[in-house]
PDB file of all heavy atoms in Angstrom:
ATOM      1  N   ILE A   1      18.097  10.390  -6.505  1.00  0.00           N
ATOM      2  CA  ILE A   1      17.127   9.662  -5.926  1.00  0.00           C
ATOM      3  C   ILE A   1      15.606  10.015  -6.485  1.00  0.00           C
ATOM      4  O   ILE A   1      14.726   9.173  -6.399  1.00  0.00           O
ATOM      5  CB  ILE A   1      17.184   9.923  -4.340  1.00  0.00           C
ATOM      6  CG1 ILE A   1      16.292   8.860  -3.695  1.00  0.00           C
ATOM      7  CG2 ILE A   1      16.718  11.291  -3.969  1.00  0.00           C
ATOM      8  CD1 ILE A   1      16.897   7.505  -3.589  1.00  0.00           C
ATOM      9  N   GLN A   2      15.523  11.193  -6.971  1.00  0.00           N
ATOM     10  CA  GLN A   2      14.172  11.604  -7.597  1.00  0.00           C
ATOM     11  C   GLN A   2      13.772  10.821  -8.686  1.00  0.00           C
ATOM     12  O   GLN A   2      12.654  10.634  -9.017  1.00  0.00           O
ATOM     13  CB  GLN A   2      14.058  13.174  -7.849  1.00  0.00           C
ATOM     14  CG  GLN A   2      14.888  13.496  -8.966  1.00  0.00           C
ATOM     15  CD  GLN A   2      16.425  13.785  -8.672  1.00  0.00           C
ATOM     16  OE1 GLN A   2      16.823  13.596  -7.475  1.00  0.00           O
ATOM     17  NE2 GLN A   2      17.086  14.289  -9.639  1.00  0.00           N
ATOM     18  N   ALA A   3      14.751  10.078  -9.341  1.00  0.00           N
ATOM     19  CA  ALA A   3      14.436   9.303 -10.404  1.00  0.00           C
ATOM     20  C   ALA A   3      13.604   7.959 -10.195  1.00  0.00           C
ATOM     21  O   ALA A   3      13.142   7.464 -11.161  1.00  0.00           O
ATOM     22  CB  ALA A   3      15.823   8.914 -11.260  1.00  0.00           C
ATOM     23  N   ILE A   4      13.664   7.611  -8.892  1.00  0.00           N
ATOM     24  CA  ILE A   4      12.906   6.394  -8.624  1.00  0.00           C
ATOM     25  C   ILE A   4      11.414   6.566  -8.693  1.00  0.00           C
ATOM     26  O   ILE A   4      10.568   5.584  -8.724  1.00  0.00           O
ATOM     27  CB  ILE A   4      13.268   5.807  -7.288  1.00  0.00           C
ATOM     28  CG1 ILE A   4      12.917   6.686  -6.117  1.00  0.00           C
ATOM     29  CG2 ILE A   4      14.636   5.426  -7.186  1.00  0.00           C
ATOM     30  CD1 ILE A   4      13.037   6.086  -4.804  1.00  0.00           C
ATOM     31  N   GLY A   5      10.915   7.841  -8.682  1.00  0.00           N
ATOM     32  CA  GLY A   5       9.449   7.991  -8.807  1.00  0.00           C
ATOM     33  C   GLY A   5       8.752   7.436  -7.677  1.00  0.00           C
ATOM     34  O   GLY A   5       9.017   7.635  -6.504  1.00  0.00           O
ATOM     35  N   ASP A   6       7.630   6.582  -8.052  1.00  0.00           N
ATOM     36  CA  ASP A   6       6.923   5.868  -7.045  1.00  0.00           C
ATOM     37  C   ASP A   6       7.507   4.508  -6.762  1.00  0.00           C
ATOM     38  O   ASP A   6       6.871   3.728  -6.070  1.00  0.00           O
ATOM     39  CB  ASP A   6       5.523   5.746  -7.467  1.00  0.00           C
ATOM     40  CG  ASP A   6       4.614   6.905  -7.158  1.00  0.00           C
ATOM     41  OD1 ASP A   6       5.092   7.668  -6.385  1.00  0.00           O
ATOM     42  OD2 ASP A   6       3.535   7.069  -7.851  1.00  0.00           O
ATOM     43  N   ALA A   7       8.732   4.218  -7.104  1.00  0.00           N
ATOM     44  CA  ALA A   7       9.328   2.943  -6.902  1.00  0.00           C
ATOM     45  C   ALA A   7       8.506   1.902  -7.635  1.00  0.00           C
ATOM     46  O   ALA A   7       8.079   2.160  -8.675  1.00  0.00           O
ATOM     47  CB  ALA A   7       9.624   2.596  -5.487  1.00  0.00           C
ATOM     48  N   ASN A   8       8.310   0.704  -6.910  1.00  0.00           N
ATOM     49  CA  ASN A   8       7.372  -0.122  -7.459  1.00  0.00           C
ATOM     50  C   ASN A   8       5.939   0.188  -7.171  1.00  0.00           C
ATOM     51  O   ASN A   8       5.489   0.135  -5.877  1.00  0.00           O
ATOM     52  CB  ASN A   8       7.603  -1.604  -6.873  1.00  0.00           C
ATOM     53  CG  ASN A   8       6.907  -2.698  -7.493  1.00  0.00           C
ATOM     54  OD1 ASN A   8       5.616  -2.513  -7.744  1.00  0.00           O
ATOM     55  ND2 ASN A   8       7.497  -3.864  -7.703  1.00  0.00           N
ATOM     56  N   ALA A   9       5.145   0.582  -8.146  1.00  0.00           N
ATOM     57  CA  ALA A   9       3.842   1.207  -7.804  1.00  0.00           C
ATOM     58  C   ALA A   9       2.836   0.292  -7.156  1.00  0.00           C
ATOM     59  O   ALA A   9       2.050   0.606  -6.274  1.00  0.00           O
ATOM     60  CB  ALA A   9       3.222   1.655  -9.200  1.00  0.00           C
ATOM     61  N   TYR A  10       3.011  -0.994  -7.314  1.00  0.00           N
ATOM     62  CA  TYR A  10       2.183  -2.030  -6.641  1.00  0.00           C
ATOM     63  C   TYR A  10       2.380  -1.890  -5.123  1.00  0.00           C
ATOM     64  O   TYR A  10       1.441  -1.902  -4.406  1.00  0.00           O
ATOM     65  CB  TYR A  10       2.490  -3.411  -7.195  1.00  0.00           C
ATOM     66  CG  TYR A  10       1.780  -4.457  -6.511  1.00  0.00           C
ATOM     67  CD1 TYR A  10       0.350  -4.673  -6.675  1.00  0.00           C
ATOM     68  CD2 TYR A  10       2.360  -5.485  -5.666  1.00  0.00           C
ATOM     69  CE1 TYR A  10      -0.278  -5.709  -6.018  1.00  0.00           C
ATOM     70  CE2 TYR A  10       1.757  -6.462  -5.078  1.00  0.00           C
ATOM     71  CZ  TYR A  10       0.314  -6.629  -5.311  1.00  0.00           C
ATOM     72  OH  TYR A  10      -0.239  -7.632  -4.582  1.00  0.00           O
ATOM     73  N   TYR A  11       3.691  -2.069  -4.635  1.00  0.00           N
ATOM     74  CA  TYR A  11       3.995  -1.895  -3.185  1.00  0.00           C
ATOM     75  C   TYR A  11       3.676  -0.538  -2.647  1.00  0.00           C
ATOM     76  O   TYR A  11       3.304  -0.520  -1.529  1.00  0.00           O
ATOM     77  CB  TYR A  11       5.321  -2.440  -3.035  1.00  0.00           C
ATOM     78  CG  TYR A  11       5.518  -3.841  -3.365  1.00  0.00           C
ATOM     79  CD1 TYR A  11       6.428  -4.230  -4.331  1.00  0.00           C
ATOM     80  CD2 TYR A  11       4.717  -4.887  -2.817  1.00  0.00           C
ATOM     81  CE1 TYR A  11       6.603  -5.584  -4.767  1.00  0.00           C
ATOM     82  CE2 TYR A  11       4.900  -6.187  -3.184  1.00  0.00           C
ATOM     83  CZ  TYR A  11       5.836  -6.619  -4.243  1.00  0.00           C
ATOM     84  OH  TYR A  11       6.038  -7.878  -4.573  1.00  0.00           O
ATOM     85  N   THR A  12       3.803   0.520  -3.492  1.00  0.00           N
ATOM     86  CA  THR A  12       3.518   1.829  -2.980  1.00  0.00           C
ATOM     87  C   THR A  12       2.039   2.020  -2.710  1.00  0.00           C
ATOM     88  O   THR A  12       1.556   2.459  -1.696  1.00  0.00           O
ATOM     89  CB  THR A  12       4.071   2.955  -3.878  1.00  0.00           C
ATOM     90  OG1 THR A  12       5.464   2.631  -4.125  1.00  0.00           O
ATOM     91  CG2 THR A  12       3.876   4.294  -3.440  1.00  0.00           C
ATOM     92  N   ALA A  13       1.312   1.342  -3.673  1.00  0.00           N
ATOM     93  CA  ALA A  13      -0.229   1.472  -3.426  1.00  0.00           C
ATOM     94  C   ALA A  13      -0.578   0.688  -2.291  1.00  0.00           C
ATOM     95  O   ALA A  13      -1.631   0.980  -1.510  1.00  0.00           O
ATOM     96  CB  ALA A  13      -0.935   0.938  -4.745  1.00  0.00           C
ATOM     97  N   ALA A  14       0.094  -0.474  -2.006  1.00  0.00           N
ATOM     98  CA  ALA A  14      -0.239  -1.311  -0.832  1.00  0.00           C
ATOM     99  C   ALA A  14       0.020  -0.562   0.417  1.00  0.00           C
ATOM    100  O   ALA A  14      -0.700  -0.644   1.394  1.00  0.00           O
ATOM    101  CB  ALA A  14       0.525  -2.639  -0.904  1.00  0.00           C
ATOM    102  N   VAL A  15       1.133   0.154   0.475  1.00  0.00           N
ATOM    103  CA  VAL A  15       1.457   0.790   1.703  1.00  0.00           C
ATOM    104  C   VAL A  15       0.447   1.985   1.904  1.00  0.00           C
ATOM    105  O   VAL A  15       0.136   2.262   3.041  1.00  0.00           O
ATOM    106  CB  VAL A  15       2.952   1.495   1.459  1.00  0.00           C
ATOM    107  CG1 VAL A  15       3.225   2.589   2.585  1.00  0.00           C
ATOM    108  CG2 VAL A  15       4.026   0.380   1.574  1.00  0.00           C
ATOM    109  N   LYS A  16       0.100   2.627   0.739  1.00  0.00           N
ATOM    110  CA  LYS A  16      -0.975   3.667   0.942  1.00  0.00           C
ATOM    111  C   LYS A  16      -2.295   3.115   1.475  1.00  0.00           C
ATOM    112  O   LYS A  16      -2.943   3.632   2.367  1.00  0.00           O
ATOM    113  CB  LYS A  16      -1.255   4.295  -0.420  1.00  0.00           C
ATOM    114  CG  LYS A  16      -2.253   5.492  -0.334  1.00  0.00           C
ATOM    115  CD  LYS A  16      -2.343   6.118  -1.703  1.00  0.00           C
ATOM    116  CE  LYS A  16      -3.234   7.315  -1.666  1.00  0.00           C
ATOM    117  NZ  LYS A  16      -3.445   7.910  -2.896  1.00  0.00           N
ATOM    118  N   SER A  17      -2.646   1.881   1.017  1.00  0.00           N
ATOM    119  CA  SER A  17      -3.863   1.155   1.631  1.00  0.00           C
ATOM    120  C   SER A  17      -3.599   0.861   2.999  1.00  0.00           C
ATOM    121  O   SER A  17      -4.604   0.911   3.772  1.00  0.00           O
ATOM    122  CB  SER A  17      -4.065   0.018   0.665  1.00  0.00           C
ATOM    123  OG  SER A  17      -5.070  -0.877   1.329  1.00  0.00           O
ATOM    124  N   MET A  18      -2.448   0.414   3.313  1.00  0.00           N
ATOM    125  CA  MET A  18      -2.159  -0.033   4.697  1.00  0.00           C
ATOM    126  C   MET A  18      -2.316   1.094   5.761  1.00  0.00           C
ATOM    127  O   MET A  18      -2.715   0.841   6.952  1.00  0.00           O
ATOM    128  CB  MET A  18      -0.749  -0.685   4.915  1.00  0.00           C
ATOM    129  CG  MET A  18      -0.601  -1.959   4.179  1.00  0.00           C
ATOM    130  SD  MET A  18       1.184  -2.497   4.011  1.00  0.00           S
ATOM    131  CE  MET A  18       1.562  -2.650   5.687  1.00  0.00           C
ATOM    132  N   LEU A  19      -2.046   2.212   5.239  1.00  0.00           N
ATOM    133  CA  LEU A  19      -2.116   3.442   6.196  1.00  0.00           C
ATOM    134  C   LEU A  19      -3.585   3.875   6.478  1.00  0.00           C
ATOM    135  O   LEU A  19      -3.811   4.771   7.165  1.00  0.00           O
ATOM    136  CB  LEU A  19      -1.254   4.575   5.651  1.00  0.00           C
ATOM    137  CG  LEU A  19       0.214   4.307   5.725  1.00  0.00           C
ATOM    138  CD1 LEU A  19       0.878   5.551   5.080  1.00  0.00           C
ATOM    139  CD2 LEU A  19       0.718   4.033   7.039  1.00  0.00           C
ATOM    140  N   GLN A  20      -4.580   3.292   5.700  1.00  0.00           N
ATOM    141  CA  GLN A  20      -5.858   3.770   5.936  1.00  0.00           C
ATOM    142  C   GLN A  20      -6.690   3.074   7.147  1.00  0.00           C
ATOM    143  O   GLN A  20      -7.564   3.746   7.614  1.00  0.00           O
ATOM    144  CB  GLN A  20      -6.655   3.518   4.579  1.00  0.00           C
ATOM    145  CG  GLN A  20      -6.203   4.306   3.406  1.00  0.00           C
ATOM    146  CD  GLN A  20      -6.976   4.062   2.220  1.00  0.00           C
ATOM    147  OE1 GLN A  20      -7.685   3.142   2.057  1.00  0.00           O
ATOM    148  NE2 GLN A  20      -6.534   4.810   1.084  1.00  0.00           N
ATOM    149  N   SER A  21      -6.250   1.916   7.575  1.00  0.00           N
ATOM    150  CA  SER A  21      -6.780   1.318   8.728  1.00  0.00           C
ATOM    151  C   SER A  21      -5.884   0.367   9.348  1.00  0.00           C
ATOM    152  O   SER A  21      -4.969  -0.198   8.718  1.00  0.00           O
ATOM    153  CB  SER A  21      -8.127   0.635   8.389  1.00  0.00           C
ATOM    154  OG  SER A  21      -7.949  -0.445   7.756  1.00  0.00           O
ATOM    155  N   TRP A  22      -6.147   0.080  10.685  1.00  0.00           N
ATOM    156  CA  TRP A  22      -5.183  -0.900  11.399  1.00  0.00           C
ATOM    157  C   TRP A  22      -5.552  -2.328  10.711  1.00  0.00           C
ATOM    158  O   TRP A  22      -4.574  -3.090  10.652  1.00  0.00           O
ATOM    159  CB  TRP A  22      -5.564  -0.918  12.824  1.00  0.00           C
ATOM    160  CG  TRP A  22      -4.967   0.233  13.535  1.00  0.00           C
ATOM    161  CD1 TRP A  22      -5.462   1.254  14.118  1.00  0.00           C
ATOM    162  CD2 TRP A  22      -3.591   0.359  13.830  1.00  0.00           C
ATOM    163  NE1 TRP A  22      -4.546   2.121  14.671  1.00  0.00           N
ATOM    164  CE2 TRP A  22      -3.339   1.592  14.521  1.00  0.00           C
ATOM    165  CE3 TRP A  22      -2.353  -0.382  13.558  1.00  0.00           C
ATOM    166  CZ2 TRP A  22      -2.016   2.021  14.831  1.00  0.00           C
ATOM    167  CZ3 TRP A  22      -1.155   0.102  13.874  1.00  0.00           C
ATOM    168  CH2 TRP A  22      -1.089   1.294  14.582  1.00  0.00           C
ATOM    169  N   HIS A  23      -6.687  -2.649  10.245  1.00  0.00           N
ATOM    170  CA  HIS A  23      -6.923  -3.795   9.590  1.00  0.00           C
ATOM    171  C   HIS A  23      -6.272  -4.138   8.408  1.00  0.00           C
ATOM    172  O   HIS A  23      -5.611  -5.051   8.135  1.00  0.00           O
ATOM    173  CB  HIS A  23      -8.503  -3.942   9.399  1.00  0.00           C
ATOM    174  CG  HIS A  23      -8.897  -5.211   8.749  1.00  0.00           C
ATOM    175  ND1 HIS A  23      -8.909  -5.371   7.482  1.00  0.00           N
ATOM    176  CD2 HIS A  23      -9.318  -6.412   9.383  1.00  0.00           C
ATOM    177  CE1 HIS A  23      -9.333  -6.661   7.181  1.00  0.00           C
ATOM    178  NE2 HIS A  23      -9.594  -7.329   8.307  1.00  0.00           N
ATOM    179  N   ASN A  24      -6.216  -2.924   7.644  1.00  0.00           N
ATOM    180  CA  ASN A  24      -5.438  -2.995   6.341  1.00  0.00           C
ATOM    181  C   ASN A  24      -3.943  -3.105   6.640  1.00  0.00           C
ATOM    182  O   ASN A  24      -3.171  -3.937   5.981  1.00  0.00           O
ATOM    183  CB  ASN A  24      -5.541  -1.782   5.507  1.00  0.00           C
ATOM    184  CG  ASN A  24      -6.939  -1.677   4.995  1.00  0.00           C
ATOM    185  OD1 ASN A  24      -7.818  -2.594   5.098  1.00  0.00           O
ATOM    186  ND2 ASN A  24      -7.339  -0.609   4.130  1.00  0.00           N
ATOM    187  N   PHE A  25      -3.410  -2.502   7.659  1.00  0.00           N
ATOM    188  CA  PHE A  25      -2.048  -2.610   8.131  1.00  0.00           C
ATOM    189  C   PHE A  25      -1.674  -3.936   8.570  1.00  0.00           C
ATOM    190  O   PHE A  25      -0.681  -4.543   8.102  1.00  0.00           O
ATOM    191  CB  PHE A  25      -1.745  -1.465   9.257  1.00  0.00           C
ATOM    192  CG  PHE A  25      -0.262  -1.460   9.790  1.00  0.00           C
ATOM    193  CD1 PHE A  25       0.574  -0.712   9.003  1.00  0.00           C
ATOM    194  CD2 PHE A  25       0.116  -2.166  10.936  1.00  0.00           C
ATOM    195  CE1 PHE A  25       1.981  -0.706   9.445  1.00  0.00           C
ATOM    196  CE2 PHE A  25       1.392  -2.190  11.269  1.00  0.00           C
ATOM    197  CZ  PHE A  25       2.388  -1.383  10.573  1.00  0.00           C
ATOM    198  N   PHE A  26      -2.423  -4.487   9.495  1.00  0.00           N
ATOM    199  CA  PHE A  26      -2.170  -5.829  10.086  1.00  0.00           C
ATOM    200  C   PHE A  26      -2.074  -6.872   8.937  1.00  0.00           C
ATOM    201  O   PHE A  26      -1.217  -7.750   8.953  1.00  0.00           O
ATOM    202  CB  PHE A  26      -3.071  -6.158  11.131  1.00  0.00           C
ATOM    203  CG  PHE A  26      -2.658  -7.533  11.794  1.00  0.00           C
ATOM    204  CD1 PHE A  26      -1.599  -7.518  12.563  1.00  0.00           C
ATOM    205  CD2 PHE A  26      -3.474  -8.655  11.605  1.00  0.00           C
ATOM    206  CE1 PHE A  26      -1.302  -8.847  13.228  1.00  0.00           C
ATOM    207  CE2 PHE A  26      -3.115  -9.827  12.148  1.00  0.00           C
ATOM    208  CZ  PHE A  26      -2.043  -9.932  13.009  1.00  0.00           C
ATOM    209  N   PHE A  27      -3.155  -6.869   8.051  1.00  0.00           N
ATOM    210  CA  PHE A  27      -3.276  -7.935   7.038  1.00  0.00           C
ATOM    211  C   PHE A  27      -2.501  -7.505   5.689  1.00  0.00           C
ATOM    212  O   PHE A  27      -2.674  -8.321   4.728  1.00  0.00           O
ATOM    213  CB  PHE A  27      -4.684  -8.251   6.761  1.00  0.00           C
ATOM    214  CG  PHE A  27      -5.339  -8.998   7.895  1.00  0.00           C
ATOM    215  CD1 PHE A  27      -6.139  -8.257   8.750  1.00  0.00           C
ATOM    216  CD2 PHE A  27      -5.030 -10.250   8.267  1.00  0.00           C
ATOM    217  CE1 PHE A  27      -6.780  -8.870   9.851  1.00  0.00           C
ATOM    218  CE2 PHE A  27      -5.644 -10.868   9.201  1.00  0.00           C
ATOM    219  CZ  PHE A  27      -6.440 -10.221  10.052  1.00  0.00           C
ATOM    220  N   VAL A  28      -1.856  -6.415   5.617  1.00  0.00           N
ATOM    221  CA  VAL A  28      -1.009  -6.028   4.480  1.00  0.00           C
ATOM    222  C   VAL A  28      -1.975  -5.995   3.278  1.00  0.00           C
ATOM    223  O   VAL A  28      -1.767  -6.728   2.183  1.00  0.00           O
ATOM    224  CB  VAL A  28       0.113  -6.926   4.270  1.00  0.00           C
ATOM    225  CG1 VAL A  28       1.090  -6.285   3.229  1.00  0.00           C
ATOM    226  CG2 VAL A  28       0.948  -7.106   5.688  1.00  0.00           C
ATOM    227  N   ALA A  29      -3.102  -5.339   3.285  1.00  0.00           N
ATOM    228  CA  ALA A  29      -4.008  -5.260   2.229  1.00  0.00           C
ATOM    229  C   ALA A  29      -3.439  -4.488   1.080  1.00  0.00           C
ATOM    230  O   ALA A  29      -2.819  -3.467   1.114  1.00  0.00           O
ATOM    231  CB  ALA A  29      -5.201  -4.549   2.753  1.00  0.00           C
ATOM    232  N   ALA A  30      -3.725  -5.007  -0.096  1.00  0.00           N
ATOM    233  CA  ALA A  30      -3.150  -4.463  -1.278  1.00  0.00           C
ATOM    234  C   ALA A  30      -4.041  -3.374  -1.902  1.00  0.00           C
ATOM    235  O   ALA A  30      -3.562  -2.639  -2.689  1.00  0.00           O
ATOM    236  CB  ALA A  30      -2.985  -5.605  -2.463  1.00  0.00           C
ATOM    237  N   GLU A  31      -5.312  -3.235  -1.403  1.00  0.00           N
ATOM    238  CA  GLU A  31      -6.200  -2.306  -1.869  1.00  0.00           C
ATOM    239  C   GLU A  31      -7.103  -1.830  -0.616  1.00  0.00           C
ATOM    240  O   GLU A  31      -7.257  -2.564   0.367  1.00  0.00           O
ATOM    241  CB  GLU A  31      -7.004  -2.754  -2.983  1.00  0.00           C
ATOM    242  CG  GLU A  31      -7.534  -4.198  -2.914  1.00  0.00           C
ATOM    243  CD  GLU A  31      -8.865  -4.289  -2.178  1.00  0.00           C
ATOM    244  OE1 GLU A  31      -9.685  -3.468  -2.206  1.00  0.00           O
ATOM    245  OE2 GLU A  31      -8.988  -5.355  -1.470  1.00  0.00           O
ATOM    246  N   PRO A  32      -7.705  -0.747  -0.663  1.00  0.00           N
ATOM    247  CA  PRO A  32      -8.346  -0.105   0.393  1.00  0.00           C
ATOM    248  C   PRO A  32      -9.591  -1.024   0.962  1.00  0.00           C
ATOM    249  O   PRO A  32      -9.941  -0.933   2.076  1.00  0.00           O
ATOM    250  CB  PRO A  32      -8.919   1.137  -0.165  1.00  0.00           C
ATOM    251  CG  PRO A  32      -8.086   1.647  -1.238  1.00  0.00           C
ATOM    252  CD  PRO A  32      -7.609   0.263  -1.794  1.00  0.00           C
ATOM    253  N   GLY A  33     -10.132  -1.836   0.036  1.00  0.00           N
ATOM    254  CA  GLY A  33     -11.189  -2.705   0.530  1.00  0.00           C
ATOM    255  C   GLY A  33     -10.725  -3.776   1.357  1.00  0.00           C
ATOM    256  O   GLY A  33     -11.573  -4.636   1.946  1.00  0.00           O
ATOM    257  N   SER A  34      -9.535  -4.072   1.355  1.00  0.00           N
ATOM    258  CA  SER A  34      -8.797  -5.204   2.056  1.00  0.00           C
ATOM    259  C   SER A  34      -9.340  -6.532   1.737  1.00  0.00           C
ATOM    260  O   SER A  34      -9.452  -7.335   2.528  1.00  0.00           O
ATOM    261  CB  SER A  34      -8.861  -4.870   3.636  1.00  0.00           C
ATOM    262  OG  SER A  34     -10.127  -4.981   4.118  1.00  0.00           O
ATOM    263  N   SER A  35      -9.636  -6.735   0.508  1.00  0.00           N
ATOM    264  CA  SER A  35     -10.115  -8.059   0.063  1.00  0.00           C
ATOM    265  C   SER A  35      -8.947  -8.845  -0.563  1.00  0.00           C
ATOM    266  O   SER A  35      -9.020 -10.052  -0.769  1.00  0.00           O
ATOM    267  CB  SER A  35     -11.189  -7.947  -0.960  1.00  0.00           C
ATOM    268  OG  SER A  35     -10.861  -7.242  -2.067  1.00  0.00           O
ATOM    269  N   VAL A  36      -7.761  -8.174  -0.772  1.00  0.00           N
ATOM    270  CA  VAL A  36      -6.636  -8.833  -1.386  1.00  0.00           C
ATOM    271  C   VAL A  36      -5.436  -8.412  -0.570  1.00  0.00           C
ATOM    272  O   VAL A  36      -5.210  -7.208  -0.073  1.00  0.00           O
ATOM    273  CB  VAL A  36      -6.373  -8.356  -2.860  1.00  0.00           C
ATOM    274  CG1 VAL A  36      -5.133  -9.084  -3.429  1.00  0.00           C
ATOM    275  CG2 VAL A  36      -7.550  -8.721  -3.767  1.00  0.00           C
TER     276      VAL A  36
END
């Protein structure tokens, strides 16, 4: 299982961004500024 690394880095970054605020979480923000 350790071979998967960060899995799909795009979606992992989106999950990290989503955990920064409820706004990002609700709108599934792809980046911390929640513009995408």
